[in-house]
N, C-alpha and C. Protein backbone atom coordinates (compact mmCIF):
# COMPACT_ATOMS: atom_id res chain seq x y z
N MET A 1 83.17 73.75 75.82
CA MET A 1 84.43 74.44 75.60
C MET A 1 84.26 75.94 75.81
N PHE A 2 83.14 76.48 75.30
CA PHE A 2 82.91 77.91 75.44
C PHE A 2 82.78 78.30 76.91
N ARG A 3 82.09 77.45 77.69
CA ARG A 3 81.95 77.75 79.11
C ARG A 3 83.30 77.79 79.81
N PHE A 4 84.17 76.87 79.46
CA PHE A 4 85.50 76.84 80.05
C PHE A 4 86.26 78.13 79.71
N LEU A 5 86.20 78.55 78.44
CA LEU A 5 86.90 79.77 78.04
C LEU A 5 86.31 80.99 78.74
N LEU A 6 84.99 81.03 78.87
CA LEU A 6 84.35 82.14 79.56
C LEU A 6 84.78 82.16 81.03
N TYR A 7 84.77 80.99 81.66
CA TYR A 7 85.19 80.89 83.05
C TYR A 7 86.65 81.33 83.20
N ALA A 8 87.51 80.89 82.31
CA ALA A 8 88.93 81.25 82.36
C ALA A 8 89.10 82.75 82.18
N ALA A 9 88.37 83.33 81.25
CA ALA A 9 88.47 84.77 81.01
C ALA A 9 87.99 85.56 82.23
N LEU A 10 86.89 85.14 82.82
CA LEU A 10 86.39 85.82 84.00
C LEU A 10 87.36 85.70 85.17
N THR A 11 87.95 84.55 85.33
CA THR A 11 88.91 84.34 86.41
C THR A 11 90.13 85.21 86.22
N LEU A 12 90.64 85.27 85.00
CA LEU A 12 91.84 86.06 84.74
C LEU A 12 91.59 87.55 84.88
N THR A 13 90.41 88.01 84.51
CA THR A 13 90.12 89.44 84.65
C THR A 13 89.79 89.80 86.09
N ALA A 14 89.31 88.87 86.87
CA ALA A 14 88.99 89.16 88.27
C ALA A 14 90.22 89.10 89.16
N ALA A 15 91.24 88.37 88.76
CA ALA A 15 92.43 88.20 89.60
C ALA A 15 93.09 89.52 89.98
N PRO A 16 93.32 90.46 89.04
CA PRO A 16 93.92 91.73 89.46
C PRO A 16 93.06 92.51 90.44
N ALA A 17 91.76 92.48 90.26
CA ALA A 17 90.87 93.18 91.19
C ALA A 17 90.94 92.55 92.58
N LEU A 18 90.99 91.22 92.63
CA LEU A 18 91.10 90.54 93.92
C LEU A 18 92.43 90.85 94.58
N ALA A 19 93.50 90.87 93.78
CA ALA A 19 94.82 91.18 94.33
C ALA A 19 94.86 92.61 94.85
N ALA A 20 94.24 93.54 94.12
CA ALA A 20 94.21 94.93 94.57
C ALA A 20 93.41 95.05 95.86
N GLY A 21 92.32 94.30 95.94
CA GLY A 21 91.52 94.33 97.16
C GLY A 21 92.29 93.78 98.35
N LYS A 22 93.06 92.72 98.13
CA LYS A 22 93.87 92.12 99.19
C LYS A 22 94.97 93.09 99.62
N ALA A 23 95.59 93.76 98.65
CA ALA A 23 96.63 94.73 98.98
C ALA A 23 96.05 95.88 99.79
N ALA A 24 94.88 96.35 99.41
CA ALA A 24 94.24 97.43 100.15
C ALA A 24 93.93 97.00 101.58
N GLU A 25 93.46 95.78 101.73
CA GLU A 25 93.18 95.26 103.08
C GLU A 25 94.46 95.16 103.90
N ASN A 26 95.51 94.62 103.30
CA ASN A 26 96.80 94.48 104.00
C ASN A 26 97.34 95.85 104.42
N CYS A 27 97.26 96.81 103.51
CA CYS A 27 97.76 98.15 103.81
C CYS A 27 96.92 98.82 104.89
N ALA A 28 95.62 98.60 104.87
CA ALA A 28 94.76 99.19 105.89
C ALA A 28 95.09 98.62 107.27
N VAL A 29 95.28 97.32 107.34
CA VAL A 29 95.58 96.69 108.64
C VAL A 29 96.95 97.13 109.14
N THR A 30 97.95 97.11 108.28
CA THR A 30 99.29 97.48 108.74
C THR A 30 99.38 98.97 109.07
N SER A 31 98.67 99.81 108.35
CA SER A 31 98.68 101.23 108.73
C SER A 31 97.93 101.43 110.05
N GLY A 32 96.96 100.59 110.33
CA GLY A 32 96.31 100.63 111.63
C GLY A 32 97.27 100.26 112.75
N ILE A 33 98.13 99.30 112.48
CA ILE A 33 99.16 98.93 113.46
C ILE A 33 100.09 100.11 113.69
N VAL A 34 100.46 100.80 112.61
CA VAL A 34 101.32 101.98 112.73
C VAL A 34 100.62 103.05 113.58
N ALA A 35 99.35 103.30 113.30
CA ALA A 35 98.61 104.31 114.06
C ALA A 35 98.56 103.93 115.54
N ASP A 36 98.32 102.67 115.83
CA ASP A 36 98.28 102.22 117.23
C ASP A 36 99.65 102.33 117.89
N ALA A 37 100.70 102.03 117.14
CA ALA A 37 102.06 102.13 117.68
C ALA A 37 102.40 103.60 117.98
N VAL A 38 101.98 104.50 117.09
CA VAL A 38 102.19 105.93 117.33
C VAL A 38 101.48 106.33 118.62
N ALA A 39 100.24 105.91 118.77
CA ALA A 39 99.48 106.24 119.98
C ALA A 39 100.15 105.69 121.22
N GLN A 40 100.67 104.46 121.13
CA GLN A 40 101.36 103.86 122.27
C GLN A 40 102.61 104.66 122.64
N ARG A 41 103.35 105.07 121.62
CA ARG A 41 104.58 105.82 121.88
C ARG A 41 104.26 107.19 122.46
N VAL A 42 103.27 107.86 121.89
CA VAL A 42 102.90 109.18 122.38
C VAL A 42 102.44 109.12 123.84
N SER A 43 101.79 108.01 124.20
CA SER A 43 101.32 107.87 125.58
C SER A 43 102.44 107.51 126.55
N GLY A 44 103.65 107.28 126.02
CA GLY A 44 104.79 107.01 126.88
C GLY A 44 105.10 105.55 127.12
N ARG A 45 104.42 104.66 126.41
CA ARG A 45 104.69 103.23 126.60
C ARG A 45 106.06 102.86 126.05
N ALA A 46 106.70 101.95 126.70
CA ALA A 46 107.98 101.44 126.23
C ALA A 46 107.75 100.63 124.96
N GLN A 47 108.76 100.57 124.13
CA GLN A 47 108.65 99.86 122.85
C GLN A 47 108.26 98.40 123.04
N ALA A 48 108.87 97.72 123.97
CA ALA A 48 108.56 96.30 124.21
C ALA A 48 107.11 96.13 124.66
N ASP A 49 106.64 97.03 125.50
CA ASP A 49 105.25 96.95 125.95
C ASP A 49 104.28 97.21 124.80
N ALA A 50 104.61 98.18 123.96
CA ALA A 50 103.75 98.47 122.81
C ALA A 50 103.71 97.28 121.86
N THR A 51 104.84 96.67 121.63
CA THR A 51 104.90 95.50 120.75
C THR A 51 104.02 94.38 121.31
N ALA A 52 104.16 94.10 122.59
CA ALA A 52 103.38 93.03 123.21
C ALA A 52 101.88 93.34 123.17
N THR A 53 101.53 94.57 123.50
CA THR A 53 100.12 94.96 123.50
C THR A 53 99.50 94.82 122.12
N LEU A 54 100.20 95.30 121.11
CA LEU A 54 99.65 95.24 119.75
C LEU A 54 99.63 93.82 119.20
N ALA A 55 100.64 93.03 119.51
CA ALA A 55 100.68 91.65 119.03
C ALA A 55 99.58 90.81 119.66
N ASP A 56 99.24 91.14 120.91
CA ASP A 56 98.18 90.41 121.60
C ASP A 56 96.80 91.01 121.35
N GLY A 57 96.76 92.08 120.58
CA GLY A 57 95.50 92.78 120.34
C GLY A 57 94.60 92.07 119.35
N ASP A 58 93.65 92.82 118.87
CA ASP A 58 92.60 92.28 118.01
C ASP A 58 92.99 92.39 116.54
N ILE A 59 94.03 91.65 116.13
CA ILE A 59 94.42 91.61 114.73
C ILE A 59 94.49 90.15 114.29
N ALA A 60 94.33 89.95 113.00
CA ALA A 60 94.40 88.59 112.46
C ALA A 60 95.80 88.03 112.68
N ALA A 61 95.88 86.75 112.92
CA ALA A 61 97.15 86.09 113.22
C ALA A 61 98.19 86.31 112.12
N ARG A 62 97.75 86.44 110.89
CA ARG A 62 98.73 86.61 109.80
C ARG A 62 99.44 87.96 109.85
N PHE A 63 98.91 88.92 110.63
CA PHE A 63 99.55 90.22 110.74
C PHE A 63 100.44 90.34 111.98
N VAL A 64 100.39 89.39 112.87
CA VAL A 64 101.19 89.45 114.10
C VAL A 64 102.69 89.57 113.79
N PRO A 65 103.25 88.85 112.81
CA PRO A 65 104.68 89.01 112.52
C PRO A 65 105.06 90.42 112.06
N ALA A 66 104.10 91.20 111.58
CA ALA A 66 104.39 92.56 111.13
C ALA A 66 104.45 93.55 112.28
N VAL A 67 103.93 93.18 113.44
CA VAL A 67 103.84 94.12 114.55
C VAL A 67 105.22 94.59 114.99
N GLN A 68 106.14 93.69 115.27
CA GLN A 68 107.44 94.08 115.80
C GLN A 68 108.19 95.04 114.87
N PRO A 69 108.35 94.73 113.58
CA PRO A 69 109.09 95.68 112.74
C PRO A 69 108.37 97.03 112.58
N LEU A 70 107.05 97.01 112.58
CA LEU A 70 106.33 98.28 112.46
C LEU A 70 106.49 99.12 113.72
N VAL A 71 106.40 98.48 114.88
CA VAL A 71 106.60 99.20 116.13
C VAL A 71 108.03 99.72 116.20
N GLU A 72 108.99 98.90 115.82
CA GLU A 72 110.39 99.35 115.82
C GLU A 72 110.56 100.58 114.94
N TRP A 73 109.92 100.56 113.77
CA TRP A 73 110.02 101.71 112.87
C TRP A 73 109.41 102.95 113.51
N VAL A 74 108.23 102.82 114.10
CA VAL A 74 107.57 103.96 114.73
C VAL A 74 108.45 104.55 115.83
N TYR A 75 109.13 103.69 116.57
CA TYR A 75 109.97 104.18 117.67
C TYR A 75 111.27 104.81 117.19
N THR A 76 111.53 104.79 115.87
CA THR A 76 112.68 105.52 115.32
C THR A 76 112.28 106.88 114.78
N LEU A 77 110.99 107.13 114.66
CA LEU A 77 110.52 108.40 114.09
C LEU A 77 110.83 109.56 115.03
N PRO A 78 111.15 110.71 114.45
CA PRO A 78 111.31 111.90 115.28
C PRO A 78 109.97 112.27 115.94
N GLN A 79 110.03 112.91 117.07
CA GLN A 79 108.85 113.26 117.84
C GLN A 79 107.82 114.04 117.02
N ASP A 80 108.28 114.93 116.16
CA ASP A 80 107.36 115.76 115.39
C ASP A 80 106.58 114.98 114.33
N GLN A 81 106.97 113.74 114.06
CA GLN A 81 106.27 112.91 113.09
C GLN A 81 105.28 111.94 113.74
N LEU A 82 105.11 112.04 115.03
CA LEU A 82 104.21 111.13 115.75
C LEU A 82 102.79 111.69 115.74
N THR A 83 102.22 111.70 114.54
CA THR A 83 100.86 112.18 114.34
C THR A 83 100.10 111.17 113.49
N GLY A 84 98.86 111.45 113.22
CA GLY A 84 98.08 110.61 112.33
C GLY A 84 98.64 110.57 110.92
N ASP A 85 99.47 111.56 110.59
CA ASP A 85 100.07 111.60 109.27
C ASP A 85 101.04 110.44 109.05
N ALA A 86 101.61 109.91 110.13
CA ALA A 86 102.54 108.79 109.99
C ALA A 86 101.82 107.57 109.41
N ALA A 87 100.65 107.26 109.96
CA ALA A 87 99.88 106.12 109.46
C ALA A 87 99.37 106.37 108.05
N ALA A 88 98.95 107.59 107.78
CA ALA A 88 98.46 107.93 106.43
C ALA A 88 99.59 107.82 105.40
N ALA A 89 100.77 108.31 105.76
CA ALA A 89 101.92 108.22 104.86
C ALA A 89 102.32 106.77 104.65
N PHE A 90 102.27 105.98 105.72
CA PHE A 90 102.59 104.56 105.59
C PHE A 90 101.61 103.88 104.65
N GLN A 91 100.33 104.16 104.83
CA GLN A 91 99.31 103.51 103.97
C GLN A 91 99.49 103.91 102.52
N ALA A 92 99.76 105.18 102.27
CA ALA A 92 99.98 105.64 100.89
C ALA A 92 101.18 104.93 100.27
N ALA A 93 102.26 104.81 101.02
CA ALA A 93 103.47 104.14 100.52
C ALA A 93 103.19 102.66 100.29
N CYS A 94 102.44 102.05 101.19
CA CYS A 94 102.10 100.64 101.07
C CYS A 94 101.28 100.39 99.80
N LEU A 95 100.27 101.22 99.59
CA LEU A 95 99.43 101.06 98.39
C LEU A 95 100.23 101.32 97.12
N GLU A 96 101.13 102.28 97.16
CA GLU A 96 101.96 102.55 95.99
C GLU A 96 102.87 101.36 95.70
N GLN A 97 103.45 100.79 96.74
CA GLN A 97 104.33 99.64 96.58
C GLN A 97 103.56 98.43 96.04
N ALA A 98 102.31 98.30 96.49
CA ALA A 98 101.49 97.16 96.06
C ALA A 98 101.10 97.29 94.58
N GLY A 99 101.19 98.50 94.09
CA GLY A 99 100.92 98.72 92.67
C GLY A 99 99.51 98.80 92.35
């Protein structure tokens, strides 16, 4: 019985740390997509081409659905915001939202 309680306690205390780690990973990958989309836009690529390039790129399949909305968002940004700060701001907001 004691082993079960110890296992349960360890599992419950580790869950928030695992969730935080997963959120950090998700935010890092999606902010990387934002950074790549900014680079694509700055280089003059069309939005559809940037979306296709990033979706076919070297990202995990679970992040592919996030490519289109992130690229769409980047292509709405004013020209003066197309810097590395866009990805950093996105990552900060993502981590804040993840809690």
